[in-house]
């Protein structure tokens, strides 16, 4: 099984967040017998924390043992299209709160790979009910 690591978990570790960094790092250590990867969208979301320096993002991910070379597949696009359409319909009907497209894309990517590690499970579980989600702080 591969675990997709959500951006919030990586930022916790990168900035040494006093509340979440240790818990996030410990959860990644617990899951290390599996493949730990990031969605290509996460690389973009990490850019501000590393002043847009791609090499620094790569060094950070290498240091914590998270793969960043996973390719976006056609099935990722298809899952995103279906989920974004459902989300947009629910949003227009006032049935859900605003979510960024990046979360939908990360969830679709994780759905194809096995599981997701995030501090924000509610952001994903409604749209990806079959996705295995682990919260490092619970």
C-alpha atoms as a PDB file:
ATOM      1  CA  UNK A   1       0.000   0.000   0.000  1.00  0.00           C
ATOM      2  CA  UNK A   2       1.138   3.525  -0.731  1.00  0.00           C
ATOM      3  CA  UNK A   3       0.292   6.426   1.538  1.00  0.00           C
ATOM      4  CA  UNK A   4      -0.162   9.851  -0.011  1.00  0.00           C
ATOM      5  CA  UNK A   5       0.986  12.527   2.407  1.00  0.00           C
ATOM      6  CA  UNK A   6      -1.162  15.658   2.442  1.00  0.00           C
ATOM      7  CA  UNK A   7       0.507  19.041   2.282  1.00  0.00           C
ATOM      8  CA  UNK A   8      -0.512  20.074   5.807  1.00  0.00           C
ATOM      9  CA  UNK A   9       1.417  17.146   7.315  1.00  0.00           C
ATOM     10  CA  UNK A  10       4.554  18.049   5.376  1.00  0.00           C
ATOM     11  CA  UNK A  11       4.317  21.713   6.289  1.00  0.00           C
ATOM     12  CA  UNK A  12       3.972  20.732   9.963  1.00  0.00           C
ATOM     13  CA  UNK A  13       7.331  19.001   9.727  1.00  0.00           C
ATOM     14  CA  UNK A  14       9.012  21.569   7.458  1.00  0.00           C
ATOM     15  CA  UNK A  15       8.254  24.523   9.739  1.00  0.00           C
ATOM     16  CA  UNK A  16       8.612  22.473  12.928  1.00  0.00           C
ATOM     17  CA  UNK A  17       5.115  23.412  14.010  1.00  0.00           C
ATOM     18  CA  UNK A  18       5.092  23.269  17.831  1.00  0.00           C
ATOM     19  CA  UNK A  19       1.693  21.587  17.952  1.00  0.00           C
ATOM     20  CA  UNK A  20       1.813  19.140  15.050  1.00  0.00           C
ATOM     21  CA  UNK A  21       5.384  18.521  13.803  1.00  0.00           C
ATOM     22  CA  UNK A  22       6.278  15.707  16.183  1.00  0.00           C
ATOM     23  CA  UNK A  23       2.939  13.918  15.763  1.00  0.00           C
ATOM     24  CA  UNK A  24       3.160  14.211  11.974  1.00  0.00           C
ATOM     25  CA  UNK A  25       6.743  12.913  11.900  1.00  0.00           C
ATOM     26  CA  UNK A  26       5.870  10.026  14.221  1.00  0.00           C
ATOM     27  CA  UNK A  27       2.953   8.987  12.003  1.00  0.00           C
ATOM     28  CA  UNK A  28       5.209   8.947   8.938  1.00  0.00           C
ATOM     29  CA  UNK A  29       7.699   6.805  10.859  1.00  0.00           C
ATOM     30  CA  UNK A  30       4.901   4.369  11.762  1.00  0.00           C
ATOM     31  CA  UNK A  31       3.893   4.062   8.110  1.00  0.00           C
ATOM     32  CA  UNK A  32       7.427   3.823   6.726  1.00  0.00           C
ATOM     33  CA  UNK A  33       7.077   0.101   5.878  1.00  0.00           C
ATOM     34  CA  UNK A  34       4.826   1.322   3.066  1.00  0.00           C
ATOM     35  CA  UNK A  35       5.576   3.681   0.229  1.00  0.00           C
ATOM     36  CA  UNK A  36       5.165   7.331   1.242  1.00  0.00           C
ATOM     37  CA  UNK A  37       4.472   9.626  -1.710  1.00  0.00           C
ATOM     38  CA  UNK A  38       3.119  13.051  -2.532  1.00  0.00           C
ATOM     39  CA  UNK A  39       0.713  14.118  -5.208  1.00  0.00           C
ATOM     40  CA  UNK A  40       2.301  16.461  -7.774  1.00  0.00           C
ATOM     41  CA  UNK A  41      -0.172  19.117  -6.573  1.00  0.00           C
ATOM     42  CA  UNK A  42       1.422  18.969  -3.120  1.00  0.00           C
ATOM     43  CA  UNK A  43       4.760  20.014  -4.616  1.00  0.00           C
ATOM     44  CA  UNK A  44       3.049  23.187  -5.798  1.00  0.00           C
ATOM     45  CA  UNK A  45       1.372  23.758  -2.426  1.00  0.00           C
ATOM     46  CA  UNK A  46       4.759  23.369  -0.689  1.00  0.00           C
ATOM     47  CA  UNK A  47       6.377  26.084  -2.815  1.00  0.00           C
ATOM     48  CA  UNK A  48       5.725  29.019  -0.439  1.00  0.00           C
ATOM     49  CA  UNK A  49       7.307  27.191   2.515  1.00  0.00           C
ATOM     50  CA  UNK A  50      10.495  26.771   0.476  1.00  0.00           C
ATOM     51  CA  UNK A  51      10.490  30.158  -1.273  1.00  0.00           C
ATOM     52  CA  UNK A  52       9.694  28.471  -4.569  1.00  0.00           C
ATOM     53  CA  UNK A  53      12.990  26.560  -4.615  1.00  0.00           C
ATOM     54  CA  UNK A  54      12.256  23.174  -6.160  1.00  0.00           C
ATOM     55  CA  UNK A  55      15.611  21.723  -5.114  1.00  0.00           C
ATOM     56  CA  UNK A  56      14.897  22.591  -1.467  1.00  0.00           C
ATOM     57  CA  UNK A  57      11.521  20.839  -1.666  1.00  0.00           C
ATOM     58  CA  UNK A  58      13.235  17.765  -3.129  1.00  0.00           C
ATOM     59  CA  UNK A  59      15.939  17.791  -0.432  1.00  0.00           C
ATOM     60  CA  UNK A  60      13.304  18.057   2.291  1.00  0.00           C
ATOM     61  CA  UNK A  61      11.236  15.183   0.898  1.00  0.00           C
ATOM     62  CA  UNK A  62      14.358  13.053   0.404  1.00  0.00           C
ATOM     63  CA  UNK A  63      15.392  13.735   4.013  1.00  0.00           C
ATOM     64  CA  UNK A  64      12.067  12.520   5.411  1.00  0.00           C
ATOM     65  CA  UNK A  65      11.733   9.609   2.988  1.00  0.00           C
ATOM     66  CA  UNK A  66       8.784  10.751   0.918  1.00  0.00           C
ATOM     67  CA  UNK A  67       8.786  10.036  -2.816  1.00  0.00           C
ATOM     68  CA  UNK A  68       7.885  12.871  -5.156  1.00  0.00           C
ATOM     69  CA  UNK A  69       8.257  11.322  -8.610  1.00  0.00           C
ATOM     70  CA  UNK A  70       4.781   9.791  -8.889  1.00  0.00           C
ATOM     71  CA  UNK A  71       3.159  10.639 -12.179  1.00  0.00           C
ATOM     72  CA  UNK A  72      -0.333  11.989 -12.546  1.00  0.00           C
ATOM     73  CA  UNK A  73      -2.333   9.340 -14.398  1.00  0.00           C
ATOM     74  CA  UNK A  74      -5.388   9.450 -16.622  1.00  0.00           C
ATOM     75  CA  UNK A  75      -7.382   7.774 -13.838  1.00  0.00           C
ATOM     76  CA  UNK A  76      -6.372  10.619 -11.508  1.00  0.00           C
ATOM     77  CA  UNK A  77      -7.824  13.106 -13.973  1.00  0.00           C
ATOM     78  CA  UNK A  78     -10.996  11.054 -14.421  1.00  0.00           C
ATOM     79  CA  UNK A  79     -11.509  10.720 -10.645  1.00  0.00           C
ATOM     80  CA  UNK A  80     -10.913  14.442 -10.226  1.00  0.00           C
ATOM     81  CA  UNK A  81     -13.412  15.306 -12.956  1.00  0.00           C
ATOM     82  CA  UNK A  82     -16.157  13.150 -11.403  1.00  0.00           C
ATOM     83  CA  UNK A  83     -15.494  14.372  -7.874  1.00  0.00           C
ATOM     84  CA  UNK A  84     -15.154  18.038  -8.831  1.00  0.00           C
ATOM     85  CA  UNK A  85     -18.452  17.877 -10.725  1.00  0.00           C
ATOM     86  CA  UNK A  86     -20.189  16.320  -7.703  1.00  0.00           C
ATOM     87  CA  UNK A  87     -18.595  18.831  -5.358  1.00  0.00           C
ATOM     88  CA  UNK A  88     -19.554  21.795  -7.559  1.00  0.00           C
ATOM     89  CA  UNK A  89     -23.171  20.624  -7.727  1.00  0.00           C
ATOM     90  CA  UNK A  90     -23.282  20.243  -3.939  1.00  0.00           C
ATOM     91  CA  UNK A  91     -21.666  23.639  -3.452  1.00  0.00           C
ATOM     92  CA  UNK A  92     -24.147  25.370  -5.742  1.00  0.00           C
ATOM     93  CA  UNK A  93     -26.979  23.726  -3.824  1.00  0.00           C
ATOM     94  CA  UNK A  94     -25.522  25.028  -0.553  1.00  0.00           C
ATOM     95  CA  UNK A  95     -24.840  21.520   0.713  1.00  0.00           C
ATOM     96  CA  UNK A  96     -21.110  21.847   1.347  1.00  0.00           C
ATOM     97  CA  UNK A  97     -18.457  24.326   2.325  1.00  0.00           C
ATOM     98  CA  UNK A  98     -15.891  25.769  -0.027  1.00  0.00           C
ATOM     99  CA  UNK A  99     -12.994  23.403  -0.860  1.00  0.00           C
ATOM    100  CA  UNK A 100     -10.041  24.171  -3.045  1.00  0.00           C
ATOM    101  CA  UNK A 101      -9.591  22.121  -6.200  1.00  0.00           C
ATOM    102  CA  UNK A 102      -6.186  21.050  -4.847  1.00  0.00           C
ATOM    103  CA  UNK A 103      -7.875  18.966  -2.116  1.00  0.00           C
ATOM    104  CA  UNK A 104     -10.059  17.234  -4.684  1.00  0.00           C
ATOM    105  CA  UNK A 105      -6.996  16.502  -6.818  1.00  0.00           C
ATOM    106  CA  UNK A 106      -4.988  15.171  -3.861  1.00  0.00           C
ATOM    107  CA  UNK A 107      -7.913  12.996  -2.795  1.00  0.00           C
ATOM    108  CA  UNK A 108      -8.338  11.593  -6.314  1.00  0.00           C
ATOM    109  CA  UNK A 109      -4.602  10.858  -6.465  1.00  0.00           C
ATOM    110  CA  UNK A 110      -4.684   9.136  -3.057  1.00  0.00           C
ATOM    111  CA  UNK A 111      -7.741   7.100  -4.001  1.00  0.00           C
ATOM    112  CA  UNK A 112      -5.744   5.417  -6.768  1.00  0.00           C
ATOM    113  CA  UNK A 113      -2.769   4.657  -4.523  1.00  0.00           C
ATOM    114  CA  UNK A 114      -4.197   3.352  -1.282  1.00  0.00           C
ATOM    115  CA  UNK A 115      -4.490   5.872   1.523  1.00  0.00           C
ATOM    116  CA  UNK A 116      -4.048   9.440   2.694  1.00  0.00           C
ATOM    117  CA  UNK A 117      -2.308  10.928   5.725  1.00  0.00           C
ATOM    118  CA  UNK A 118      -3.890  14.272   6.610  1.00  0.00           C
ATOM    119  CA  UNK A 119      -4.846  16.381   9.609  1.00  0.00           C
ATOM    120  CA  UNK A 120      -8.013  17.295   7.725  1.00  0.00           C
ATOM    121  CA  UNK A 121      -9.845  13.999   7.209  1.00  0.00           C
ATOM    122  CA  UNK A 122     -13.267  15.649   6.939  1.00  0.00           C
ATOM    123  CA  UNK A 123     -12.046  17.600   3.898  1.00  0.00           C
ATOM    124  CA  UNK A 124     -11.607  14.307   2.050  1.00  0.00           C
ATOM    125  CA  UNK A 125     -13.909  11.685   3.552  1.00  0.00           C
ATOM    126  CA  UNK A 126     -17.125  13.192   2.204  1.00  0.00           C
ATOM    127  CA  UNK A 127     -15.789  13.177  -1.349  1.00  0.00           C
ATOM    128  CA  UNK A 128     -13.774   9.963  -1.163  1.00  0.00           C
ATOM    129  CA  UNK A 129     -15.752   7.689   1.176  1.00  0.00           C
ATOM    130  CA  UNK A 130     -13.777   4.548   0.252  1.00  0.00           C
ATOM    131  CA  UNK A 131     -10.407   6.224   0.836  1.00  0.00           C
ATOM    132  CA  UNK A 132      -8.446   5.014   3.852  1.00  0.00           C
ATOM    133  CA  UNK A 133      -7.478   8.111   5.842  1.00  0.00           C
ATOM    134  CA  UNK A 134      -5.086   8.413   8.760  1.00  0.00           C
ATOM    135  CA  UNK A 135      -4.935  11.515  10.943  1.00  0.00           C
ATOM    136  CA  UNK A 136      -1.524  11.921  12.620  1.00  0.00           C
ATOM    137  CA  UNK A 137      -2.991  13.870  15.523  1.00  0.00           C
ATOM    138  CA  UNK A 138      -5.707  11.436  16.557  1.00  0.00           C
END
